[in-house]
Amino acid sequence: MPPWVDRMDDSERTVLEYLQNQDLGDVVYEPDGNVPPDFLVNGRIAVEVRRLNENVETGDGHRGLEEISKPLNVLVRKALSATGPPTCGTSWFAFYTYSRPLPAWRELDVLLRRALGEVARQPNLEGHEIRVADKMRLRFTRASEVHPYLFILGGSADHDSGGFVVAELADNLRLCIDEKSAKVLKVKDRYPEWWLALEDRVAYGVLDKEDQEQLRQLIRRDGRWNKIILVNPLNPSTGFEL
């Protein structure tokens, strides 16, 4: 493998595999350095890459949902384990639900540990639900066996995630297209053809032909990109063009 593969993120590796399976010619990574495009194909096709994910609007603009969900998961796990071993011979699975906005991480950590401390000595938490913050709740279910910790993470639900998949794709596609179009504007004249390749982390390649056609109707092609391609991260050799 070329040495530059080690510098790529996951989305770029996914798109690289897709491009290499299309028999389009040589694929070069970052032909002009750490500026657009991400790939140059056959010396003439500039390809920009982005992860297509679900976004939420914040005070600082749009952010991918996973930018909050992943660190939140770590914070909850640490708070649960900090309560220590079972006190009454029983462990409990904790399930949390949330939506945005959430308090700052440090404040949320304090609120979470305080809430867990208040219920840690209760003998029966079956079906019990507690409010951690305005938009975060914890619910408990008895574990079938005793674990090293009183509370074990059982699962979570992001109330900002989901929805009708074609509509979600369309909304987030518009964000990605606008963002990348602005990024390449100053270098657009370097190459005769520009493609936008998106690693689809919303539908994961499960759209049927009817859904694909509906999506094409929802996304207006305005000439900023010669091709817009959704690449399936579960099978990177496949994708479909809008």
C-alpha atoms as a PDB file:
ATOM      1  CA  MET A   1       0.000   0.000   0.000  1.00  0.00           C
ATOM      2  CA  PRO A   2       1.243   3.569  -0.667  1.00  0.00           C
ATOM      3  CA  PRO A   3       2.671   5.299   2.427  1.00  0.00           C
ATOM      4  CA  TRP A   4       0.043   8.053   2.255  1.00  0.00           C
ATOM      5  CA  VAL A   5      -2.724   5.587   3.162  1.00  0.00           C
ATOM      6  CA  ASP A   6      -1.637   5.852   6.811  1.00  0.00           C
ATOM      7  CA  ARG A   7      -2.504   9.577   6.796  1.00  0.00           C
ATOM      8  CA  MET A   8      -6.114   9.023   5.754  1.00  0.00           C
ATOM      9  CA  ASP A   9      -9.170   9.075   7.964  1.00  0.00           C
ATOM     10  CA  ASP A  10     -11.819   6.333   7.784  1.00  0.00           C
ATOM     11  CA  SER A  11     -13.976   8.158   5.237  1.00  0.00           C
ATOM     12  CA  GLU A  12     -11.035   8.717   2.914  1.00  0.00           C
ATOM     13  CA  ARG A  13     -10.083   5.027   3.070  1.00  0.00           C
ATOM     14  CA  THR A  14     -13.655   4.068   2.232  1.00  0.00           C
ATOM     15  CA  VAL A  15     -13.736   6.379  -0.781  1.00  0.00           C
ATOM     16  CA  LEU A  16     -10.273   5.254  -1.900  1.00  0.00           C
ATOM     17  CA  GLU A  17     -11.513   1.669  -2.077  1.00  0.00           C
ATOM     18  CA  TYR A  18     -14.528   2.805  -4.057  1.00  0.00           C
ATOM     19  CA  LEU A  19     -12.437   4.763  -6.558  1.00  0.00           C
ATOM     20  CA  GLN A  20      -9.953   1.952  -7.019  1.00  0.00           C
ATOM     21  CA  ASN A  21     -12.807  -0.444  -7.838  1.00  0.00           C
ATOM     22  CA  GLN A  22     -14.137   1.791 -10.624  1.00  0.00           C
ATOM     23  CA  ASP A  23     -11.111   1.340 -12.934  1.00  0.00           C
ATOM     24  CA  LEU A  24     -10.856   5.076 -13.507  1.00  0.00           C
ATOM     25  CA  GLY A  25      -7.063   5.290 -13.613  1.00  0.00           C
ATOM     26  CA  ASP A  26      -4.404   6.285 -11.110  1.00  0.00           C
ATOM     27  CA  VAL A  27      -5.636   7.636  -7.773  1.00  0.00           C
ATOM     28  CA  VAL A  28      -3.378  10.141  -5.988  1.00  0.00           C
ATOM     29  CA  TYR A  29      -3.994  11.338  -2.426  1.00  0.00           C
ATOM     30  CA  GLU A  30      -3.753  15.076  -1.688  1.00  0.00           C
ATOM     31  CA  PRO A  31      -2.085  16.001  -4.998  1.00  0.00           C
ATOM     32  CA  ASP A  32      -1.645  19.628  -3.899  1.00  0.00           C
ATOM     33  CA  GLY A  33      -0.867  18.979  -0.228  1.00  0.00           C
ATOM     34  CA  ASN A  34      -3.239  19.489   2.669  1.00  0.00           C
ATOM     35  CA  VAL A  35      -5.734  21.451   0.552  1.00  0.00           C
ATOM     36  CA  PRO A  36      -8.562  20.337  -1.769  1.00  0.00           C
ATOM     37  CA  PRO A  37      -8.911  17.975  -3.480  1.00  0.00           C
ATOM     38  CA  ASP A  38      -8.521  14.884  -1.309  1.00  0.00           C
ATOM     39  CA  PHE A  39      -7.896  12.691  -4.373  1.00  0.00           C
ATOM     40  CA  LEU A  40      -6.940  13.220  -7.995  1.00  0.00           C
ATOM     41  CA  VAL A  41      -8.095  10.507 -10.398  1.00  0.00           C
ATOM     42  CA  ASN A  42      -6.443   9.975 -13.769  1.00  0.00           C
ATOM     43  CA  GLY A  43      -4.800  13.374 -13.532  1.00  0.00           C
ATOM     44  CA  ARG A  44      -8.047  15.286 -14.148  1.00  0.00           C
ATOM     45  CA  ILE A  45     -10.866  14.333 -11.743  1.00  0.00           C
ATOM     46  CA  ALA A  46     -10.659  16.098  -8.382  1.00  0.00           C
ATOM     47  CA  VAL A  47     -12.505  14.237  -5.630  1.00  0.00           C
ATOM     48  CA  GLU A  48     -13.464  15.772  -2.299  1.00  0.00           C
ATOM     49  CA  VAL A  49     -14.430  13.424   0.552  1.00  0.00           C
ATOM     50  CA  ARG A  50     -16.681  13.871   3.556  1.00  0.00           C
ATOM     51  CA  ARG A  51     -18.562  11.687   5.987  1.00  0.00           C
ATOM     52  CA  LEU A  52     -22.310  11.968   5.453  1.00  0.00           C
ATOM     53  CA  ASN A  53     -23.696  11.837   8.968  1.00  0.00           C
ATOM     54  CA  GLU A  54     -26.642  13.123  10.954  1.00  0.00           C
ATOM     55  CA  ASN A  55     -26.112  16.655  12.189  1.00  0.00           C
ATOM     56  CA  VAL A  56     -27.624  18.862  14.830  1.00  0.00           C
ATOM     57  CA  GLU A  57     -27.609  22.646  14.894  1.00  0.00           C
ATOM     58  CA  THR A  58     -25.734  24.220  17.810  1.00  0.00           C
ATOM     59  CA  GLY A  59     -24.730  27.753  18.712  1.00  0.00           C
ATOM     60  CA  ASP A  60     -21.455  27.146  16.881  1.00  0.00           C
ATOM     61  CA  GLY A  61     -23.065  25.787  13.705  1.00  0.00           C
ATOM     62  CA  HIS A  62     -23.852  22.218  12.661  1.00  0.00           C
ATOM     63  CA  ARG A  63     -22.146  19.306  14.379  1.00  0.00           C
ATOM     64  CA  GLY A  64     -22.330  15.574  13.726  1.00  0.00           C
ATOM     65  CA  LEU A  65     -24.399  13.721  16.313  1.00  0.00           C
ATOM     66  CA  GLU A  66     -21.487  11.386  17.042  1.00  0.00           C
ATOM     67  CA  GLU A  67     -19.384  14.359  18.181  1.00  0.00           C
ATOM     68  CA  ILE A  68     -21.584  14.393  21.285  1.00  0.00           C
ATOM     69  CA  SER A  69     -22.709  10.763  21.555  1.00  0.00           C
ATOM     70  CA  LYS A  70     -19.220   9.233  21.764  1.00  0.00           C
ATOM     71  CA  PRO A  71     -17.777  11.429  24.553  1.00  0.00           C
ATOM     72  CA  LEU A  72     -21.113  11.277  26.382  1.00  0.00           C
ATOM     73  CA  ASN A  73     -20.946   7.491  26.362  1.00  0.00           C
ATOM     74  CA  VAL A  74     -17.450   7.620  27.897  1.00  0.00           C
ATOM     75  CA  LEU A  75     -18.582  10.122  30.550  1.00  0.00           C
ATOM     76  CA  VAL A  76     -21.576   7.954  31.552  1.00  0.00           C
ATOM     77  CA  ARG A  77     -19.495   4.775  31.750  1.00  0.00           C
ATOM     78  CA  LYS A  78     -16.963   6.442  34.049  1.00  0.00           C
ATOM     79  CA  ALA A  79     -19.669   7.846  36.305  1.00  0.00           C
ATOM     80  CA  LEU A  80     -21.392   4.466  36.564  1.00  0.00           C
ATOM     81  CA  SER A  81     -18.210   2.624  37.492  1.00  0.00           C
ATOM     82  CA  ALA A  82     -17.309   5.333  40.027  1.00  0.00           C
ATOM     83  CA  THR A  83     -20.237   4.254  42.210  1.00  0.00           C
ATOM     84  CA  GLY A  84     -18.259   1.139  43.092  1.00  0.00           C
ATOM     85  CA  PRO A  85     -19.374  -2.449  43.780  1.00  0.00           C
ATOM     86  CA  PRO A  86     -22.935  -3.558  44.611  1.00  0.00           C
ATOM     87  CA  THR A  87     -24.099  -2.568  48.088  1.00  0.00           C
ATOM     88  CA  CYS A  88     -27.116  -4.884  48.421  1.00  0.00           C
ATOM     89  CA  GLY A  89     -25.996  -7.896  46.422  1.00  0.00           C
ATOM     90  CA  THR A  90     -27.576  -6.618  43.203  1.00  0.00           C
ATOM     91  CA  SER A  91     -26.256  -4.915  40.091  1.00  0.00           C
ATOM     92  CA  TRP A  92     -28.376  -2.679  37.881  1.00  0.00           C
ATOM     93  CA  PHE A  93     -28.295  -1.936  34.177  1.00  0.00           C
ATOM     94  CA  ALA A  94     -28.564   1.787  33.544  1.00  0.00           C
ATOM     95  CA  PHE A  95     -30.108   3.085  30.321  1.00  0.00           C
ATOM     96  CA  TYR A  96     -29.844   6.749  29.439  1.00  0.00           C
ATOM     97  CA  THR A  97     -31.828   8.883  27.017  1.00  0.00           C
ATOM     98  CA  TYR A  98     -30.921  12.381  25.920  1.00  0.00           C
ATOM     99  CA  SER A  99     -31.408  15.156  23.435  1.00  0.00           C
ATOM    100  CA  ARG A 100     -29.552  18.375  22.814  1.00  0.00           C
ATOM    101  CA  PRO A 101     -28.466  20.810  24.096  1.00  0.00           C
ATOM    102  CA  LEU A 102     -26.787  19.237  27.114  1.00  0.00           C
ATOM    103  CA  PRO A 103     -24.871  21.046  29.859  1.00  0.00           C
ATOM    104  CA  ALA A 104     -21.106  21.436  29.520  1.00  0.00           C
ATOM    105  CA  TRP A 105     -19.255  18.163  30.108  1.00  0.00           C
ATOM    106  CA  ARG A 106     -17.868  19.154  33.528  1.00  0.00           C
ATOM    107  CA  GLU A 107     -21.273  20.298  34.754  1.00  0.00           C
ATOM    108  CA  LEU A 108     -22.978  17.207  33.358  1.00  0.00           C
ATOM    109  CA  ASP A 109     -20.427  14.959  35.045  1.00  0.00           C
ATOM    110  CA  VAL A 110     -21.204  16.569  38.419  1.00  0.00           C
ATOM    111  CA  LEU A 111     -24.961  16.248  37.858  1.00  0.00           C
ATOM    112  CA  LEU A 112     -24.649  12.629  36.771  1.00  0.00           C
ATOM    113  CA  ARG A 113     -22.509  11.523  39.708  1.00  0.00           C
ATOM    114  CA  ARG A 114     -24.764  13.372  42.141  1.00  0.00           C
ATOM    115  CA  ALA A 115     -27.877  11.680  40.728  1.00  0.00           C
ATOM    116  CA  LEU A 116     -26.260   8.236  40.864  1.00  0.00           C
ATOM    117  CA  GLY A 117     -25.089   8.818  44.418  1.00  0.00           C
ATOM    118  CA  GLU A 118     -28.615   9.652  45.522  1.00  0.00           C
ATOM    119  CA  VAL A 119     -30.025   6.336  44.259  1.00  0.00           C
ATOM    120  CA  ALA A 120     -27.032   4.082  44.914  1.00  0.00           C
ATOM    121  CA  ARG A 121     -28.291   2.939  48.317  1.00  0.00           C
ATOM    122  CA  GLN A 122     -31.864   2.257  47.308  1.00  0.00           C
ATOM    123  CA  PRO A 123     -32.597  -1.502  47.528  1.00  0.00           C
ATOM    124  CA  ASN A 124     -34.959  -1.619  44.532  1.00  0.00           C
ATOM    125  CA  LEU A 125     -34.516   0.472  41.397  1.00  0.00           C
ATOM    126  CA  GLU A 126     -36.534  -1.734  39.020  1.00  0.00           C
ATOM    127  CA  GLY A 127     -38.161   0.566  36.454  1.00  0.00           C
ATOM    128  CA  HIS A 128     -36.986   3.613  38.395  1.00  0.00           C
ATOM    129  CA  GLU A 129     -36.205   6.697  36.312  1.00  0.00           C
ATOM    130  CA  ILE A 130     -34.258   9.762  37.390  1.00  0.00           C
ATOM    131  CA  ARG A 131     -33.696  13.151  35.806  1.00  0.00           C
ATOM    132  CA  VAL A 132     -30.002  13.975  35.420  1.00  0.00           C
ATOM    133  CA  ALA A 133     -30.410  17.229  33.491  1.00  0.00           C
ATOM    134  CA  ASP A 134     -33.171  18.974  31.598  1.00  0.00           C
ATOM    135  CA  LYS A 135     -32.754  16.697  28.563  1.00  0.00           C
ATOM    136  CA  MET A 136     -31.191  13.593  30.068  1.00  0.00           C
ATOM    137  CA  ARG A 137     -32.806  10.722  31.971  1.00  0.00           C
ATOM    138  CA  LEU A 138     -31.562   7.470  33.516  1.00  0.00           C
ATOM    139  CA  ARG A 139     -33.653   4.308  33.886  1.00  0.00           C
ATOM    140  CA  PHE A 140     -32.663   1.120  35.745  1.00  0.00           C
ATOM    141  CA  THR A 141     -33.279  -2.599  35.250  1.00  0.00           C
ATOM    142  CA  ARG A 142     -32.103  -5.364  37.555  1.00  0.00           C
ATOM    143  CA  ALA A 143     -29.198  -7.430  36.197  1.00  0.00           C
ATOM    144  CA  SER A 144     -29.660 -11.197  36.213  1.00  0.00           C
ATOM    145  CA  GLU A 145     -26.283 -11.650  37.935  1.00  0.00           C
ATOM    146  CA  VAL A 146     -24.019  -9.612  40.187  1.00  0.00           C
ATOM    147  CA  HIS A 147     -21.337  -7.608  38.381  1.00  0.00           C
ATOM    148  CA  PRO A 148     -18.192  -5.967  39.755  1.00  0.00           C
ATOM    149  CA  TYR A 149     -20.005  -2.625  39.735  1.00  0.00           C
ATOM    150  CA  LEU A 150     -23.357  -1.525  41.120  1.00  0.00           C
ATOM    151  CA  PHE A 151     -24.309   0.132  37.832  1.00  0.00           C
ATOM    152  CA  ILE A 152     -23.565  -1.254  34.366  1.00  0.00           C
ATOM    153  CA  LEU A 153     -24.325   0.593  31.152  1.00  0.00           C
ATOM    154  CA  GLY A 154     -27.251  -1.138  29.477  1.00  0.00           C
ATOM    155  CA  GLY A 155     -27.812   1.142  26.506  1.00  0.00           C
ATOM    156  CA  SER A 156     -28.783   4.598  25.334  1.00  0.00           C
ATOM    157  CA  ALA A 157     -31.152   6.433  23.027  1.00  0.00           C
ATOM    158  CA  ASP A 158     -30.429   9.661  21.183  1.00  0.00           C
ATOM    159  CA  HIS A 159     -33.737  11.451  20.652  1.00  0.00           C
ATOM    160  CA  ASP A 160     -32.154  13.714  18.024  1.00  0.00           C
ATOM    161  CA  SER A 161     -31.243  10.726  15.875  1.00  0.00           C
ATOM    162  CA  GLY A 162     -33.362   8.810  13.428  1.00  0.00           C
ATOM    163  CA  GLY A 163     -36.333   9.867  11.381  1.00  0.00           C
ATOM    164  CA  PHE A 164     -37.402   9.027   7.860  1.00  0.00           C
ATOM    165  CA  VAL A 165     -34.136   7.976   6.252  1.00  0.00           C
ATOM    166  CA  VAL A 166     -34.605   9.679   2.862  1.00  0.00           C
ATOM    167  CA  ALA A 167     -35.552  12.952   4.530  1.00  0.00           C
ATOM    168  CA  GLU A 168     -32.590  12.648   6.916  1.00  0.00           C
ATOM    169  CA  LEU A 169     -30.277  11.972   3.982  1.00  0.00           C
ATOM    170  CA  ALA A 170     -31.589  14.957   2.046  1.00  0.00           C
ATOM    171  CA  ASP A 171     -31.231  17.373   4.971  1.00  0.00           C
ATOM    172  CA  ASN A 172     -27.691  16.290   5.741  1.00  0.00           C
ATOM    173  CA  LEU A 173     -26.690  16.091   2.073  1.00  0.00           C
ATOM    174  CA  ARG A 174     -27.550  19.760   1.650  1.00  0.00           C
ATOM    175  CA  LEU A 175     -25.278  20.644   4.564  1.00  0.00           C
ATOM    176  CA  CYS A 176     -22.404  18.589   3.162  1.00  0.00           C
ATOM    177  CA  ILE A 177     -22.799  19.973  -0.364  1.00  0.00           C
ATOM    178  CA  ASP A 178     -22.850  23.581   0.815  1.00  0.00           C
ATOM    179  CA  GLU A 179     -19.904  23.080   3.155  1.00  0.00           C
ATOM    180  CA  LYS A 180     -17.679  21.380   0.584  1.00  0.00           C
ATOM    181  CA  SER A 181     -18.706  23.738  -2.231  1.00  0.00           C
ATOM    182  CA  ALA A 182     -17.499  26.710  -0.203  1.00  0.00           C
ATOM    183  CA  LYS A 183     -14.253  24.910   0.639  1.00  0.00           C
ATOM    184  CA  VAL A 184     -13.240  24.204  -2.968  1.00  0.00           C
ATOM    185  CA  LEU A 185     -14.403  27.498  -4.463  1.00  0.00           C
ATOM    186  CA  LYS A 186     -10.947  29.101  -4.608  1.00  0.00           C
ATOM    187  CA  VAL A 187      -9.256  26.081  -6.236  1.00  0.00           C
ATOM    188  CA  LYS A 188     -12.053  24.976  -8.569  1.00  0.00           C
ATOM    189  CA  ASP A 189     -10.194  26.096 -11.706  1.00  0.00           C
ATOM    190  CA  ARG A 190      -7.245  23.739 -11.094  1.00  0.00           C
ATOM    191  CA  TYR A 191      -9.033  20.689 -12.486  1.00  0.00           C
ATOM    192  CA  PRO A 192     -11.691  20.256 -15.187  1.00  0.00           C
ATOM    193  CA  GLU A 193     -13.941  17.913 -13.206  1.00  0.00           C
ATOM    194  CA  TRP A 194     -14.948  17.797  -9.525  1.00  0.00           C
ATOM    195  CA  TRP A 195     -16.687  14.974  -7.661  1.00  0.00           C
ATOM    196  CA  LEU A 196     -18.032  14.946  -4.113  1.00  0.00           C
ATOM    197  CA  ALA A 197     -17.775  11.468  -2.570  1.00  0.00           C
ATOM    198  CA  LEU A 198     -19.667  10.965   0.690  1.00  0.00           C
ATOM    199  CA  GLU A 199     -19.261   8.029   3.055  1.00  0.00           C
ATOM    200  CA  ASP A 200     -22.904   7.282   3.852  1.00  0.00           C
ATOM    201  CA  ARG A 201     -23.219   6.915   7.629  1.00  0.00           C
ATOM    202  CA  VAL A 202     -26.975   7.625   7.558  1.00  0.00           C
ATOM    203  CA  ALA A 203     -28.483   4.920   5.299  1.00  0.00           C
ATOM    204  CA  TYR A 204     -25.400   2.655   5.001  1.00  0.00           C
ATOM    205  CA  GLY A 205     -26.259   1.738   1.418  1.00  0.00           C
ATOM    206  CA  VAL A 206     -29.694   0.235   2.163  1.00  0.00           C
ATOM    207  CA  LEU A 207     -31.746   2.511  -0.108  1.00  0.00           C
ATOM    208  CA  ASP A 208     -33.689   0.728  -2.819  1.00  0.00           C
ATOM    209  CA  LYS A 209     -34.098   2.191  -6.315  1.00  0.00           C
ATOM    210  CA  GLU A 210     -37.315   3.993  -5.373  1.00  0.00           C
ATOM    211  CA  ASP A 211     -35.620   5.662  -2.378  1.00  0.00           C
ATOM    212  CA  GLN A 212     -32.635   6.612  -4.524  1.00  0.00           C
ATOM    213  CA  GLU A 213     -34.883   8.254  -7.099  1.00  0.00           C
ATOM    214  CA  GLN A 214     -36.780  10.110  -4.383  1.00  0.00           C
ATOM    215  CA  LEU A 215     -33.505  11.379  -2.979  1.00  0.00           C
ATOM    216  CA  ARG A 216     -32.406  12.606  -6.417  1.00  0.00           C
ATOM    217  CA  GLN A 217     -35.645  14.585  -6.679  1.00  0.00           C
ATOM    218  CA  LEU A 218     -35.092  16.186  -3.270  1.00  0.00           C
ATOM    219  CA  ILE A 219     -31.521  17.291  -3.980  1.00  0.00           C
ATOM    220  CA  ARG A 220     -31.269  20.012  -6.584  1.00  0.00           C
ATOM    221  CA  ARG A 221     -28.220  19.626  -8.835  1.00  0.00           C
ATOM    222  CA  ASP A 222     -26.923  23.134  -9.463  1.00  0.00           C
ATOM    223  CA  GLY A 223     -23.690  22.447 -11.325  1.00  0.00           C
ATOM    224  CA  ARG A 224     -21.317  22.909  -8.429  1.00  0.00           C
ATOM    225  CA  TRP A 225     -20.253  19.249  -8.691  1.00  0.00           C
ATOM    226  CA  ASN A 226     -19.979  17.066 -11.772  1.00  0.00           C
ATOM    227  CA  LYS A 227     -20.864  14.034  -9.642  1.00  0.00           C
ATOM    228  CA  ILE A 228     -22.116  13.469  -6.115  1.00  0.00           C
ATOM    229  CA  ILE A 229     -21.627   9.875  -4.983  1.00  0.00           C
ATOM    230  CA  LEU A 230     -22.801   8.129  -1.816  1.00  0.00           C
ATOM    231  CA  VAL A 231     -20.401   5.317  -0.901  1.00  0.00           C
ATOM    232  CA  ASN A 232     -21.507   2.404   1.256  1.00  0.00           C
ATOM    233  CA  PRO A 233     -19.080   2.089   4.229  1.00  0.00           C
ATOM    234  CA  LEU A 234     -20.144  -1.547   4.764  1.00  0.00           C
ATOM    235  CA  ASN A 235     -19.196  -2.417   1.176  1.00  0.00           C
ATOM    236  CA  PRO A 236     -16.909   0.363  -0.087  1.00  0.00           C
ATOM    237  CA  SER A 237     -16.746  -0.992  -3.639  1.00  0.00           C
ATOM    238  CA  THR A 238     -20.387   0.061  -4.061  1.00  0.00           C
ATOM    239  CA  GLY A 239     -22.156   3.390  -4.146  1.00  0.00           C
ATOM    240  CA  PHE A 240     -24.714   5.319  -6.123  1.00  0.00           C
ATOM    241  CA  GLU A 241     -24.658   8.636  -7.934  1.00  0.00           C
ATOM    242  CA  LEU A 242     -27.220  11.342  -7.321  1.00  0.00           C
END
